[in-house]
PDB file of all heavy atoms in Angstrom:
ATOM      1  N   PRO A   1       6.717  -9.167   3.920  1.00  0.00           N
ATOM      2  CA  PRO A   1       5.997 -10.004   2.949  1.00  0.00           C
ATOM      3  C   PRO A   1       6.675 -11.269   2.499  1.00  0.00           C
ATOM      4  O   PRO A   1       6.157 -12.303   2.232  1.00  0.00           O
ATOM      5  CB  PRO A   1       5.652  -9.097   1.821  1.00  0.00           C
ATOM      6  CG  PRO A   1       5.614  -7.730   2.466  1.00  0.00           C
ATOM      7  CD  PRO A   1       6.657  -7.763   3.542  1.00  0.00           C
ATOM      8  N   ILE A   2       8.089 -11.162   2.404  1.00  0.00           N
ATOM      9  CA  ILE A   2       8.854 -12.341   1.942  1.00  0.00           C
ATOM     10  C   ILE A   2       8.753 -13.489   2.902  1.00  0.00           C
ATOM     11  O   ILE A   2       8.649 -14.614   2.608  1.00  0.00           O
ATOM     12  CB  ILE A   2      10.359 -11.887   1.850  1.00  0.00           C
ATOM     13  CG1 ILE A   2      10.589 -10.839   0.750  1.00  0.00           C
ATOM     14  CG2 ILE A   2      11.251 -13.112   1.644  1.00  0.00           C
ATOM     15  CD1 ILE A   2      10.209 -11.330  -0.644  1.00  0.00           C
ATOM     16  N   LEU A   3       8.649 -13.154   4.246  1.00  0.00           N
ATOM     17  CA  LEU A   3       8.515 -14.238   5.244  1.00  0.00           C
ATOM     18  C   LEU A   3       7.154 -14.817   5.232  1.00  0.00           C
ATOM     19  O   LEU A   3       6.934 -15.942   5.688  1.00  0.00           O
ATOM     20  CB  LEU A   3       8.818 -13.611   6.586  1.00  0.00           C
ATOM     21  CG  LEU A   3      10.231 -12.976   6.782  1.00  0.00           C
ATOM     22  CD1 LEU A   3      10.343 -12.435   8.187  1.00  0.00           C
ATOM     23  CD2 LEU A   3      11.288 -13.991   6.505  1.00  0.00           C
ATOM     24  N   LEU A   4       6.173 -14.090   4.676  1.00  0.00           N
ATOM     25  CA  LEU A   4       4.793 -14.579   4.635  1.00  0.00           C
ATOM     26  C   LEU A   4       4.422 -15.155   3.231  1.00  0.00           C
ATOM     27  O   LEU A   4       3.285 -15.306   2.883  1.00  0.00           O
ATOM     28  CB  LEU A   4       3.840 -13.417   4.952  1.00  0.00           C
ATOM     29  CG  LEU A   4       4.034 -12.770   6.279  1.00  0.00           C
ATOM     30  CD1 LEU A   4       3.149 -11.542   6.466  1.00  0.00           C
ATOM     31  CD2 LEU A   4       3.822 -13.757   7.463  1.00  0.00           C
ATOM     32  N   ASP A   5       5.500 -15.452   2.473  1.00  0.00           N
ATOM     33  CA  ASP A   5       5.365 -16.053   1.160  1.00  0.00           C
ATOM     34  C   ASP A   5       4.633 -15.147   0.174  1.00  0.00           C
ATOM     35  O   ASP A   5       3.900 -15.612  -0.699  1.00  0.00           O
ATOM     36  CB  ASP A   5       4.726 -17.432   1.183  1.00  0.00           C
ATOM     37  CG  ASP A   5       5.599 -18.487   1.773  1.00  0.00           C
ATOM     38  OD1 ASP A   5       6.878 -18.356   1.630  1.00  0.00           O
ATOM     39  OD2 ASP A   5       5.157 -19.339   2.506  1.00  0.00           O
ATOM     40  N   ALA A   6       4.767 -13.840   0.311  1.00  0.00           N
ATOM     41  CA  ALA A   6       4.253 -12.832  -0.625  1.00  0.00           C
ATOM     42  C   ALA A   6       5.487 -12.108  -1.118  1.00  0.00           C
ATOM     43  O   ALA A   6       6.278 -11.617  -0.400  1.00  0.00           O
ATOM     44  CB  ALA A   6       3.278 -11.878   0.059  1.00  0.00           C
ATOM     45  N   ASN A   7       5.664 -12.068  -2.412  1.00  0.00           N
ATOM     46  CA  ASN A   7       6.853 -11.559  -2.978  1.00  0.00           C
ATOM     47  C   ASN A   7       6.797 -10.009  -3.174  1.00  0.00           C
ATOM     48  O   ASN A   7       7.872  -9.372  -3.313  1.00  0.00           O
ATOM     49  CB  ASN A   7       7.168 -12.152  -4.379  1.00  0.00           C
ATOM     50  CG  ASN A   7       7.527 -13.627  -4.231  1.00  0.00           C
ATOM     51  OD1 ASN A   7       8.136 -14.013  -3.262  1.00  0.00           O
ATOM     52  ND2 ASN A   7       7.142 -14.456  -5.176  1.00  0.00           N
ATOM     53  N   THR A   8       5.634  -9.393  -3.111  1.00  0.00           N
ATOM     54  CA  THR A   8       5.527  -7.967  -3.202  1.00  0.00           C
ATOM     55  C   THR A   8       4.496  -7.425  -2.271  1.00  0.00           C
ATOM     56  O   THR A   8       3.745  -8.185  -1.665  1.00  0.00           O
ATOM     57  CB  THR A   8       5.160  -7.559  -4.633  1.00  0.00           C
ATOM     58  OG1 THR A   8       3.830  -8.087  -4.928  1.00  0.00           O
ATOM     59  CG2 THR A   8       6.143  -8.039  -5.703  1.00  0.00           C
ATOM     60  N   THR A   9       4.454  -6.139  -2.102  1.00  0.00           N
ATOM     61  CA  THR A   9       3.463  -5.472  -1.281  1.00  0.00           C
ATOM     62  C   THR A   9       3.090  -4.206  -1.969  1.00  0.00           C
ATOM     63  O   THR A   9       3.879  -3.526  -2.645  1.00  0.00           O
ATOM     64  CB  THR A   9       3.998  -5.202   0.171  1.00  0.00           C
ATOM     65  OG1 THR A   9       2.945  -4.592   0.911  1.00  0.00           O
ATOM     66  CG2 THR A   9       5.242  -4.299   0.123  1.00  0.00           C
ATOM     67  N   PRO A  10       1.802  -3.801  -1.828  1.00  0.00           N
ATOM     68  CA  PRO A  10       1.370  -2.559  -2.493  1.00  0.00           C
ATOM     69  C   PRO A  10       1.748  -1.340  -1.569  1.00  0.00           C
ATOM     70  O   PRO A  10       1.550  -0.181  -2.023  1.00  0.00           O
ATOM     71  CB  PRO A  10      -0.162  -2.650  -2.524  1.00  0.00           C
ATOM     72  CG  PRO A  10      -0.502  -3.593  -1.432  1.00  0.00           C
ATOM     73  CD  PRO A  10       0.666  -4.547  -1.256  1.00  0.00           C
ATOM     74  N   MET A  11       2.359  -1.540  -0.431  1.00  0.00           N
ATOM     75  CA  MET A  11       2.669  -0.494   0.481  1.00  0.00           C
ATOM     76  C   MET A  11       4.104  -0.004   0.274  1.00  0.00           C
ATOM     77  O   MET A  11       4.957  -0.715  -0.196  1.00  0.00           O
ATOM     78  CB  MET A  11       2.481  -0.964   1.953  1.00  0.00           C
ATOM     79  CG  MET A  11       1.030  -1.297   2.248  1.00  0.00           C
ATOM     80  SD  MET A  11       0.783  -1.856   3.921  1.00  0.00           S
ATOM     81  CE  MET A  11       1.572  -3.407   3.912  1.00  0.00           C
ATOM     82  N   GLN A  12       4.349   1.230   0.703  1.00  0.00           N
ATOM     83  CA  GLN A  12       5.647   1.842   0.580  1.00  0.00           C
ATOM     84  C   GLN A  12       6.340   1.673   1.910  1.00  0.00           C
ATOM     85  O   GLN A  12       5.677   1.773   2.999  1.00  0.00           O
ATOM     86  CB  GLN A  12       5.487   3.322   0.238  1.00  0.00           C
ATOM     87  CG  GLN A  12       6.777   4.120   0.105  1.00  0.00           C
ATOM     88  CD  GLN A  12       6.497   5.614  -0.136  1.00  0.00           C
ATOM     89  OE1 GLN A  12       5.465   6.118   0.156  1.00  0.00           O
ATOM     90  NE2 GLN A  12       7.513   6.194  -0.680  1.00  0.00           N
ATOM     91  N   THR A  13       7.610   1.512   1.933  1.00  0.00           N
ATOM     92  CA  THR A  13       8.391   1.429   3.160  1.00  0.00           C
ATOM     93  C   THR A  13       9.249   2.728   3.215  1.00  0.00           C
ATOM     94  O   THR A  13       9.896   3.118   2.226  1.00  0.00           O
ATOM     95  CB  THR A  13       9.288   0.213   3.133  1.00  0.00           C
ATOM     96  OG1 THR A  13       8.481  -0.985   3.111  1.00  0.00           O
ATOM     97  CG2 THR A  13      10.139   0.189   4.393  1.00  0.00           C
ATOM     98  N   LEU A  14       9.326   3.372   4.379  1.00  0.00           N
ATOM     99  CA  LEU A  14      10.068   4.559   4.537  1.00  0.00           C
ATOM    100  C   LEU A  14      10.795   4.538   5.913  1.00  0.00           C
ATOM    101  O   LEU A  14      10.290   3.973   6.805  1.00  0.00           O
ATOM    102  CB  LEU A  14       9.322   5.805   4.298  1.00  0.00           C
ATOM    103  CG  LEU A  14       8.044   6.066   5.165  1.00  0.00           C
ATOM    104  CD1 LEU A  14       8.462   6.958   6.294  1.00  0.00           C
ATOM    105  CD2 LEU A  14       6.990   6.647   4.326  1.00  0.00           C
ATOM    106  N   ALA A  15      11.891   5.226   5.934  1.00  0.00           N
ATOM    107  CA  ALA A  15      12.563   5.364   7.229  1.00  0.00           C
ATOM    108  C   ALA A  15      12.002   6.604   7.951  1.00  0.00           C
ATOM    109  O   ALA A  15      11.942   7.665   7.371  1.00  0.00           O
ATOM    110  CB  ALA A  15      14.076   5.520   6.990  1.00  0.00           C
ATOM    111  N   GLN A  16      11.580   6.435   9.151  1.00  0.00           N
ATOM    112  CA  GLN A  16      10.960   7.551   9.887  1.00  0.00           C
ATOM    113  C   GLN A  16      12.058   8.490  10.408  1.00  0.00           C
ATOM    114  O   GLN A  16      11.872   9.692  10.438  1.00  0.00           O
ATOM    115  CB  GLN A  16      10.274   6.905  11.076  1.00  0.00           C
ATOM    116  CG  GLN A  16       9.682   7.978  12.066  1.00  0.00           C
ATOM    117  CD  GLN A  16       8.889   7.262  13.157  1.00  0.00           C
ATOM    118  OE1 GLN A  16       8.129   6.370  12.960  1.00  0.00           O
ATOM    119  NE2 GLN A  16       9.181   7.751  14.379  1.00  0.00           N
ATOM    120  N   ILE A  17      13.145   7.948  10.806  1.00  0.00           N
ATOM    121  CA  ILE A  17      14.252   8.772  11.450  1.00  0.00           C
ATOM    122  C   ILE A  17      15.533   8.420  10.746  1.00  0.00           C
ATOM    123  O   ILE A  17      15.827   7.214  10.602  1.00  0.00           O
ATOM    124  CB  ILE A  17      14.295   8.503  12.988  1.00  0.00           C
ATOM    125  CG1 ILE A  17      13.000   8.960  13.652  1.00  0.00           C
ATOM    126  CG2 ILE A  17      15.491   9.202  13.634  1.00  0.00           C
ATOM    127  CD1 ILE A  17      12.912   8.631  15.097  1.00  0.00           C
ATOM    128  N   PRO A  18      16.324   9.432  10.405  1.00  0.00           N
ATOM    129  CA  PRO A  18      17.651   9.053   9.786  1.00  0.00           C
ATOM    130  C   PRO A  18      18.528   8.253  10.703  1.00  0.00           C
ATOM    131  O   PRO A  18      18.475   8.362  11.920  1.00  0.00           O
ATOM    132  CB  PRO A  18      18.311  10.469   9.636  1.00  0.00           C
ATOM    133  CG  PRO A  18      17.143  11.463   9.736  1.00  0.00           C
ATOM    134  CD  PRO A  18      16.122  10.825  10.645  1.00  0.00           C
ATOM    135  N   GLY A  19      19.254   7.382  10.114  1.00  0.00           N
ATOM    136  CA  GLY A  19      20.165   6.507  10.761  1.00  0.00           C
ATOM    137  C   GLY A  19      20.802   5.486   9.851  1.00  0.00           C
ATOM    138  O   GLY A  19      20.758   5.669   8.684  1.00  0.00           O
ATOM    139  N   GLN A  20      21.282   4.459  10.442  1.00  0.00           N
ATOM    140  CA  GLN A  20      21.994   3.380   9.640  1.00  0.00           C
ATOM    141  C   GLN A  20      21.080   2.223   9.495  1.00  0.00           C
ATOM    142  O   GLN A  20      20.278   1.987  10.407  1.00  0.00           O
ATOM    143  CB  GLN A  20      23.277   3.030  10.287  1.00  0.00           C
ATOM    144  CG  GLN A  20      24.308   4.174  10.330  1.00  0.00           C
ATOM    145  CD  GLN A  20      25.622   3.674  10.915  1.00  0.00           C
ATOM    146  OE1 GLN A  20      25.715   2.643  11.547  1.00  0.00           O
ATOM    147  NE2 GLN A  20      26.694   4.549  10.765  1.00  0.00           N
ATOM    148  N   ALA A  21      21.254   1.501   8.428  1.00  0.00           N
ATOM    149  CA  ALA A  21      20.523   0.278   8.216  1.00  0.00           C
ATOM    150  C   ALA A  21      21.383  -0.760   7.521  1.00  0.00           C
ATOM    151  O   ALA A  21      22.412  -0.430   6.923  1.00  0.00           O
ATOM    152  CB  ALA A  21      19.259   0.604   7.331  1.00  0.00           C
ATOM    153  N   VAL A  22      20.946  -1.993   7.576  1.00  0.00           N
ATOM    154  CA  VAL A  22      21.609  -3.091   6.873  1.00  0.00           C
ATOM    155  C   VAL A  22      20.653  -3.662   5.837  1.00  0.00           C
ATOM    156  O   VAL A  22      19.499  -3.766   6.108  1.00  0.00           O
ATOM    157  CB  VAL A  22      22.026  -4.140   7.864  1.00  0.00           C
ATOM    158  CG1 VAL A  22      22.636  -5.394   7.193  1.00  0.00           C
ATOM    159  CG2 VAL A  22      22.995  -3.673   8.930  1.00  0.00           C
ATOM    160  N   ARG A  23      21.210  -3.876   4.677  1.00  0.00           N
ATOM    161  CA  ARG A  23      20.355  -4.420   3.603  1.00  0.00           C
ATOM    162  C   ARG A  23      20.811  -5.786   3.303  1.00  0.00           C
ATOM    163  O   ARG A  23      22.064  -5.996   3.036  1.00  0.00           O
ATOM    164  CB  ARG A  23      20.444  -3.529   2.380  1.00  0.00           C
ATOM    165  CG  ARG A  23      19.516  -3.991   1.216  1.00  0.00           C
ATOM    166  CD  ARG A  23      19.523  -3.057   0.130  1.00  0.00           C
ATOM    167  NE  ARG A  23      18.553  -3.506  -0.835  1.00  0.00           N
ATOM    168  CZ  ARG A  23      18.280  -2.858  -1.947  1.00  0.00           C
ATOM    169  NH1 ARG A  23      18.773  -1.717  -2.193  1.00  0.00           N
ATOM    170  NH2 ARG A  23      17.381  -3.354  -2.772  1.00  0.00           N
ATOM    171  N   ILE A  24      19.941  -6.773   3.384  1.00  0.00           N
ATOM    172  CA  ILE A  24      20.228  -8.149   3.090  1.00  0.00           C
ATOM    173  C   ILE A  24      19.286  -8.645   1.996  1.00  0.00           C
ATOM    174  O   ILE A  24      18.069  -8.319   2.084  1.00  0.00           O
ATOM    175  CB  ILE A  24      20.096  -9.013   4.400  1.00  0.00           C
ATOM    176  CG1 ILE A  24      20.968  -8.535   5.452  1.00  0.00           C
ATOM    177  CG2 ILE A  24      20.412 -10.519   4.034  1.00  0.00           C
ATOM    178  CD1 ILE A  24      20.687  -9.126   6.845  1.00  0.00           C
ATOM    179  N   LYS A  25      19.767  -9.376   1.073  1.00  0.00           N
ATOM    180  CA  LYS A  25      18.959  -9.901  -0.044  1.00  0.00           C
ATOM    181  C   LYS A  25      17.828 -10.730   0.542  1.00  0.00           C
ATOM    182  O   LYS A  25      18.038 -11.519   1.460  1.00  0.00           O
ATOM    183  CB  LYS A  25      19.766 -10.647  -0.993  1.00  0.00           C
ATOM    184  CG  LYS A  25      20.718  -9.800  -1.890  1.00  0.00           C
ATOM    185  CD  LYS A  25      21.412 -10.634  -2.885  1.00  0.00           C
ATOM    186  CE  LYS A  25      22.327  -9.775  -3.635  1.00  0.00           C
ATOM    187  NZ  LYS A  25      21.784  -9.123  -4.809  1.00  0.00           N
TER     188      LYS A  25
END
């Protein structure tokens, strides 16, 4: 949504499979 100029979303994000991720502001 940030890339689409929407600051929020009503949907939840979840990881399907355990693993590593990178978080960037």
